[in-house]
Amino acid sequence: MKVQSKISLTGLILMIFSTIYGFANTTVAFAQMGYASIIWYIFAAIVFFLPSGLMFAEYGSAFKDDHGGFYSWLSESVGEKTAFVGTFIWLSSWVIWLVSTSSKVWIPLTTLLTGSDKTQTWHFMGLTPIQTVGILALIWMIAITFFSSKGIDSIARVGSIGGTFVMILTGIFVVASVILLFANHGQLQEPIHGAVSFIKSPNVGFQSPIAVFSFVVYAIFAYGGMESMGGIVDDLDKPEKNFPKGILIATLFVTVFYSLCIFLWGISTNWSKVIGGDDVNLGNITYVLMNNLGLFFGHSLGLSHATSVILGSLLARFTGLSMFLGYFGSFFILTYSPLKSFIMGSPKELWPEKMTKLNKNGMPAYAMWIQAAIVSVIVILISFGGSGAQKFYLILTDMGNISTSVPYLFLIAAFPFFKSKQNIERPFVAFKNKTWTNIIVAFILIILSLGIIFTAVEPILQHDYTTAFWTIIGPIFFGGVALIFYSSQSKRLKK
């Protein structure tokens, strides 16, 4: 009998890091808050990433034999109805990801081909650039759904290549930044004016206390994904000892690395000169900063302007290639994986027969096409809503942040109920004191809720009702649909 090898402590730390760390999160953080984003990343790591990771580990180890994932955790803790609504909202976060990515994927593609973001110059049959991107996103969604539903998912493996390229990209960025620091004798392009630089954002959109605190949602988004690690507890060597130790070390490592990378952007990037322009948005910020890194690197080493421009273009193209491959691979998987997990993990009798039926390729094709229709409608409504590029990509980013954060409210709020269950076998226990568990849960819920509320309220205070509407509509709409659907199906089953 073959003995399955166990995951070591080092292996666990590397798995957590690769799951959580996102290179693009550092550029968005620097664009939104400058150096001031660092303190919020540290705050989010302490109050969310560390405790929630341990909670998800308890869930995962207790329900390791259940294949419903998110749904199973909630269903066993707080009941079927809450689980259905919570998981439906969780599914909406992936739908919003599809909306956002189908629109953003054209930026790395055009950067790869031309060296810079040209999407803002695209026009088709009298349509604006954003409307043109919306039409392309619609075509992209339909094409990927078609191929995924046919079981042609081997191409998704290019996503792992993209992940490798992004890690190489991160290495290039760190090394280049350190060289620039020495080459310029420690002078930063974004100067530090005492402690205020680490508290106050250079971005006029993040000056009020409400706007600043809403940034916690950006930071929580950057640490999202730990729920996927909950199921590996049993595969660890000495889980009761190594998992909490791994979480602690990984939290420290990821937080320090995020903070370091945000700081390093200030070596090559002057916020006002590079980010403050109208042609820079949350969709193209990563490519703009990498292009600027290459340009500044060339100038700092005494290369000609023409050579520096080529260097900047090469870095931007490599970034475009890395991000495009990552998006491309992930999109194939995420068009069916969360949907299939929810539908197959929840009670089949709740769903119409067509929704649960798998085609000959093992795909829930009917459900996938409904999802594609929903994504397409949302994309068209936002892209034809009259927004400029900056507002368009801000809406997509805020929608993604909110829709990712709301499902965590369900999982964390359900944790005390999970702990109170007496008939559950618990191979791994991190929270042993009931009072402290409840205090920690309450604190996380308050921070999460305030971050979500402030993110939604801030555009209303600025009279930007379009951004406010799209920011909050995802969880509200999908939560409402879930409640109506569940109530309707429950009544049908009782008859």
Foldseek 3Di string as FASTA:
>chain_A
DDDAAFQELVNLLVVLLLQQADPLLLLVQCLQFFLQSLVLLLVCLVQPLQVVLQLLLQLQQLPLVALLQQLVSLCVQPHNLLSLLLLLLLLLLLLLVLLQLLLLLVQLVVLLVPLGGPLQVDDDPRDGSLLVSLVSSLVVLVVLLVCLLVLVQPLLVLLVVLSVLVVVLLVVLVVLLVVLCVLVVNDWLADDPPPVSNNGGPDPLQHDPLSVLLCSLSSNSSRPDSSVVSNSLVRHDPSQPSVSVSSVVSSVVNSVSSSVSSNSLRRQDHNCVQSVDPVHASSRSVLSSQLSSQLSSCVSVPHDNVVSNVRSSVRSSSNSVSVSSNSVSVSSCSLFPSLLSNCVSRDVLLDDPLQNDRPPSRTSSVVSVVSSVVSSVVSNCLSPVPDDPRLSSLLSSLQSSLSSLVSVLSSLVSSLSVVPDDPTDGPYDDDDDSVVSVVSSVSSNVSSVSSNVSSLCSVVVVVNVVSSCSNPVSSVVSSVVSNVSNVVSVVVVVD
